[in-house]
Amino acid sequence: MQKVARTHRLKPRVSVLQTWVSATITDEDTCMDGFSSRAMNGYAKMIVKKRIVKITHLMSNALVLINNYVSSQILH
């Protein structure tokens, strides 16, 4: 019974966390659009793009872990 109560309390927080992490993945394109002008140095653009891609992969992995946690709490 305690686990059900804990899961019920965590659900809204986890939902917000899922939304934030999903937003970081979605915003990758928006962020890169800011570097699309010709005035942007090619080297700087490359460095920024590499870091954005890395962060996006990390956030994608984080989202998988969050979703797995949620699934394990619901099923048990």
N, C-alpha and C. Protein backbone atom coordinates (compact mmCIF):
# COMPACT_ATOMS: atom_id res chain seq x y z
N MET A 1 0.81 -1.19 0.00
CA MET A 1 0.00 0.00 0.00
C MET A 1 0.86 1.26 0.00
N GLN A 2 1.99 1.22 0.72
CA GLN A 2 2.90 2.37 0.77
C GLN A 2 3.46 2.68 -0.61
N LYS A 3 3.78 1.64 -1.36
CA LYS A 3 4.36 1.82 -2.69
C LYS A 3 3.35 2.51 -3.61
N VAL A 4 2.09 2.16 -3.49
CA VAL A 4 1.05 2.79 -4.31
C VAL A 4 0.95 4.27 -3.98
N ALA A 5 1.01 4.60 -2.69
CA ALA A 5 0.94 6.01 -2.28
C ALA A 5 2.15 6.78 -2.79
N ARG A 6 3.34 6.16 -2.70
CA ARG A 6 4.56 6.81 -3.18
C ARG A 6 4.48 7.04 -4.68
N THR A 7 4.03 6.03 -5.41
CA THR A 7 3.90 6.16 -6.86
C THR A 7 2.92 7.26 -7.22
N HIS A 8 1.83 7.34 -6.48
CA HIS A 8 0.82 8.37 -6.72
C HIS A 8 1.40 9.77 -6.51
N ARG A 9 2.26 9.94 -5.49
CA ARG A 9 2.89 11.23 -5.22
C ARG A 9 3.94 11.58 -6.28
N LEU A 10 4.65 10.56 -6.77
CA LEU A 10 5.72 10.80 -7.74
C LEU A 10 5.20 11.07 -9.15
N LYS A 11 4.02 10.58 -9.46
CA LYS A 11 3.51 10.66 -10.83
C LYS A 11 3.51 12.08 -11.40
N PRO A 12 2.99 13.09 -10.68
CA PRO A 12 3.03 14.45 -11.25
C PRO A 12 4.45 14.97 -11.45
N ARG A 13 5.34 14.64 -10.52
CA ARG A 13 6.73 15.11 -10.64
C ARG A 13 7.43 14.45 -11.81
N VAL A 14 7.20 13.17 -11.97
CA VAL A 14 7.82 12.44 -13.08
C VAL A 14 7.27 12.95 -14.41
N SER A 15 6.00 13.25 -14.44
CA SER A 15 5.39 13.78 -15.65
C SER A 15 6.04 15.11 -16.06
N VAL A 16 6.28 15.97 -15.10
CA VAL A 16 6.95 17.24 -15.37
C VAL A 16 8.37 16.99 -15.86
N LEU A 17 9.05 16.06 -15.24
CA LEU A 17 10.41 15.71 -15.64
C LEU A 17 10.44 15.18 -17.07
N GLN A 18 9.49 14.32 -17.40
CA GLN A 18 9.40 13.80 -18.77
C GLN A 18 9.18 14.94 -19.76
N THR A 19 8.35 15.89 -19.41
CA THR A 19 8.07 17.03 -20.29
C THR A 19 9.32 17.86 -20.51
N TRP A 20 10.05 18.16 -19.43
CA TRP A 20 11.26 18.97 -19.55
C TRP A 20 12.32 18.27 -20.39
N VAL A 21 12.54 16.99 -20.14
CA VAL A 21 13.56 16.26 -20.89
C VAL A 21 13.15 16.16 -22.36
N SER A 22 11.88 15.90 -22.62
CA SER A 22 11.41 15.86 -24.01
C SER A 22 11.59 17.20 -24.71
N ALA A 23 11.36 18.27 -23.97
CA ALA A 23 11.52 19.62 -24.55
C ALA A 23 12.97 19.88 -24.94
N THR A 24 13.91 19.40 -24.15
CA THR A 24 15.33 19.62 -24.50
C THR A 24 15.66 18.91 -25.81
N ILE A 25 15.05 17.75 -26.02
CA ILE A 25 15.29 17.00 -27.26
C ILE A 25 14.67 17.75 -28.44
N THR A 26 13.46 18.23 -28.25
CA THR A 26 12.74 18.95 -29.30
C THR A 26 13.44 20.26 -29.66
N ASP A 27 14.01 20.92 -28.66
CA ASP A 27 14.63 22.23 -28.88
C ASP A 27 15.98 22.17 -29.58
N GLU A 28 16.47 20.97 -29.87
CA GLU A 28 17.75 20.85 -30.59
C GLU A 28 17.68 21.60 -31.92
N ASP A 29 16.62 21.36 -32.67
CA ASP A 29 16.48 22.02 -33.98
C ASP A 29 16.36 23.52 -33.84
N THR A 30 15.58 23.96 -32.88
CA THR A 30 15.40 25.39 -32.66
C THR A 30 16.73 26.06 -32.32
N CYS A 31 17.50 25.40 -31.49
CA CYS A 31 18.81 25.94 -31.11
C CYS A 31 19.73 26.02 -32.32
N MET A 32 19.76 24.98 -33.11
CA MET A 32 20.64 24.96 -34.29
C MET A 32 20.20 26.00 -35.33
N ASP A 33 18.91 26.30 -35.38
CA ASP A 33 18.43 27.34 -36.30
C ASP A 33 19.10 28.68 -36.01
N GLY A 34 19.43 28.93 -34.77
CA GLY A 34 20.10 30.17 -34.39
C GLY A 34 21.51 30.28 -34.93
N PHE A 35 22.07 29.16 -35.37
CA PHE A 35 23.43 29.15 -35.92
C PHE A 35 23.44 28.94 -37.43
N SER A 36 22.32 29.14 -38.07
CA SER A 36 22.23 28.84 -39.50
C SER A 36 22.68 29.98 -40.41
N SER A 37 22.85 31.17 -39.85
CA SER A 37 23.22 32.29 -40.70
C SER A 37 24.66 32.15 -41.22
N ARG A 38 24.93 32.79 -42.32
CA ARG A 38 26.26 32.74 -42.92
C ARG A 38 27.29 33.51 -42.09
N ALA A 39 26.81 34.40 -41.24
CA ALA A 39 27.72 35.20 -40.42
C ALA A 39 28.39 34.34 -39.34
N MET A 40 27.81 33.20 -39.07
CA MET A 40 28.35 32.32 -38.03
C MET A 40 29.57 31.59 -38.56
N ASN A 41 30.65 31.61 -37.79
CA ASN A 41 31.89 30.94 -38.14
C ASN A 41 31.66 29.43 -38.27
N GLY A 42 32.20 28.82 -39.30
CA GLY A 42 32.03 27.39 -39.54
C GLY A 42 32.55 26.53 -38.41
N TYR A 43 33.71 26.91 -37.85
CA TYR A 43 34.30 26.13 -36.76
C TYR A 43 33.43 26.22 -35.51
N ALA A 44 33.01 27.42 -35.16
CA ALA A 44 32.16 27.61 -33.98
C ALA A 44 30.85 26.85 -34.14
N LYS A 45 30.30 26.92 -35.34
CA LYS A 45 29.05 26.22 -35.62
C LYS A 45 29.23 24.71 -35.44
N MET A 46 30.35 24.18 -35.92
CA MET A 46 30.63 22.75 -35.80
C MET A 46 30.74 22.34 -34.33
N ILE A 47 31.45 23.13 -33.53
CA ILE A 47 31.63 22.82 -32.11
C ILE A 47 30.28 22.84 -31.39
N VAL A 48 29.49 23.87 -31.66
CA VAL A 48 28.17 23.98 -31.01
C VAL A 48 27.30 22.80 -31.42
N LYS A 49 27.29 22.47 -32.70
CA LYS A 49 26.45 21.37 -33.18
C LYS A 49 26.86 20.05 -32.51
N LYS A 50 28.16 19.79 -32.38
CA LYS A 50 28.64 18.57 -31.73
C LYS A 50 28.13 18.50 -30.28
N ARG A 51 28.20 19.61 -29.60
CA ARG A 51 27.77 19.62 -28.20
C ARG A 51 26.26 19.48 -28.07
N ILE A 52 25.53 20.09 -28.97
CA ILE A 52 24.08 19.96 -28.95
C ILE A 52 23.68 18.51 -29.23
N VAL A 53 24.34 17.88 -30.19
CA VAL A 53 24.05 16.48 -30.50
C VAL A 53 24.36 15.59 -29.29
N LYS A 54 25.47 15.84 -28.62
CA LYS A 54 25.84 15.05 -27.44
C LYS A 54 24.80 15.23 -26.33
N ILE A 55 24.42 16.46 -26.08
CA ILE A 55 23.41 16.73 -25.04
C ILE A 55 22.08 16.07 -25.40
N THR A 56 21.72 16.12 -26.67
CA THR A 56 20.47 15.50 -27.11
C THR A 56 20.50 13.99 -26.87
N HIS A 57 21.64 13.36 -27.16
CA HIS A 57 21.77 11.92 -26.90
C HIS A 57 21.65 11.62 -25.41
N LEU A 58 22.29 12.44 -24.59
CA LEU A 58 22.21 12.25 -23.14
C LEU A 58 20.77 12.41 -22.64
N MET A 59 20.07 13.41 -23.15
CA MET A 59 18.69 13.63 -22.75
C MET A 59 17.78 12.49 -23.22
N SER A 60 18.07 11.97 -24.40
CA SER A 60 17.31 10.83 -24.91
C SER A 60 17.50 9.63 -24.00
N ASN A 61 18.75 9.39 -23.59
CA ASN A 61 19.03 8.29 -22.66
C ASN A 61 18.34 8.53 -21.32
N ALA A 62 18.36 9.76 -20.85
CA ALA A 62 17.70 10.09 -19.58
C ALA A 62 16.20 9.82 -19.67
N LEU A 63 15.60 10.16 -20.80
CA LEU A 63 14.17 9.93 -20.99
C LEU A 63 13.85 8.44 -20.97
N VAL A 64 14.69 7.64 -21.57
CA VAL A 64 14.50 6.19 -21.54
C VAL A 64 14.55 5.68 -20.10
N LEU A 65 15.53 6.15 -19.34
CA LEU A 65 15.64 5.72 -17.94
C LEU A 65 14.42 6.15 -17.12
N ILE A 66 13.96 7.36 -17.33
CA ILE A 66 12.77 7.85 -16.62
C ILE A 66 11.56 7.00 -16.98
N ASN A 67 11.37 6.75 -18.26
CA ASN A 67 10.22 5.96 -18.70
C ASN A 67 10.30 4.53 -18.17
N ASN A 68 11.50 3.95 -18.14
CA ASN A 68 11.65 2.61 -17.58
C ASN A 68 11.32 2.59 -16.10
N TYR A 69 11.75 3.62 -15.39
CA TYR A 69 11.44 3.72 -13.96
C TYR A 69 9.93 3.80 -13.76
N VAL A 70 9.28 4.63 -14.53
CA VAL A 70 7.82 4.78 -14.41
C VAL A 70 7.14 3.45 -14.68
N SER A 71 7.58 2.77 -15.73
CA SER A 71 6.98 1.47 -16.08
C SER A 71 7.19 0.46 -14.95
N SER A 72 8.35 0.46 -14.37
CA SER A 72 8.62 -0.51 -13.29
C SER A 72 7.78 -0.21 -12.06
N GLN A 73 7.49 1.05 -11.78
CA GLN A 73 6.67 1.41 -10.64
C GLN A 73 5.21 1.06 -10.85
N ILE A 74 4.75 1.17 -12.08
CA ILE A 74 3.35 0.87 -12.39
C ILE A 74 3.10 -0.63 -12.37
N LEU A 75 4.07 -1.38 -12.87
CA LEU A 75 3.89 -2.83 -12.97
C LEU A 75 4.09 -3.56 -11.66
N HIS A 76 4.77 -2.96 -10.70
CA HIS A 76 5.04 -3.65 -9.43
C HIS A 76 4.19 -3.12 -8.32
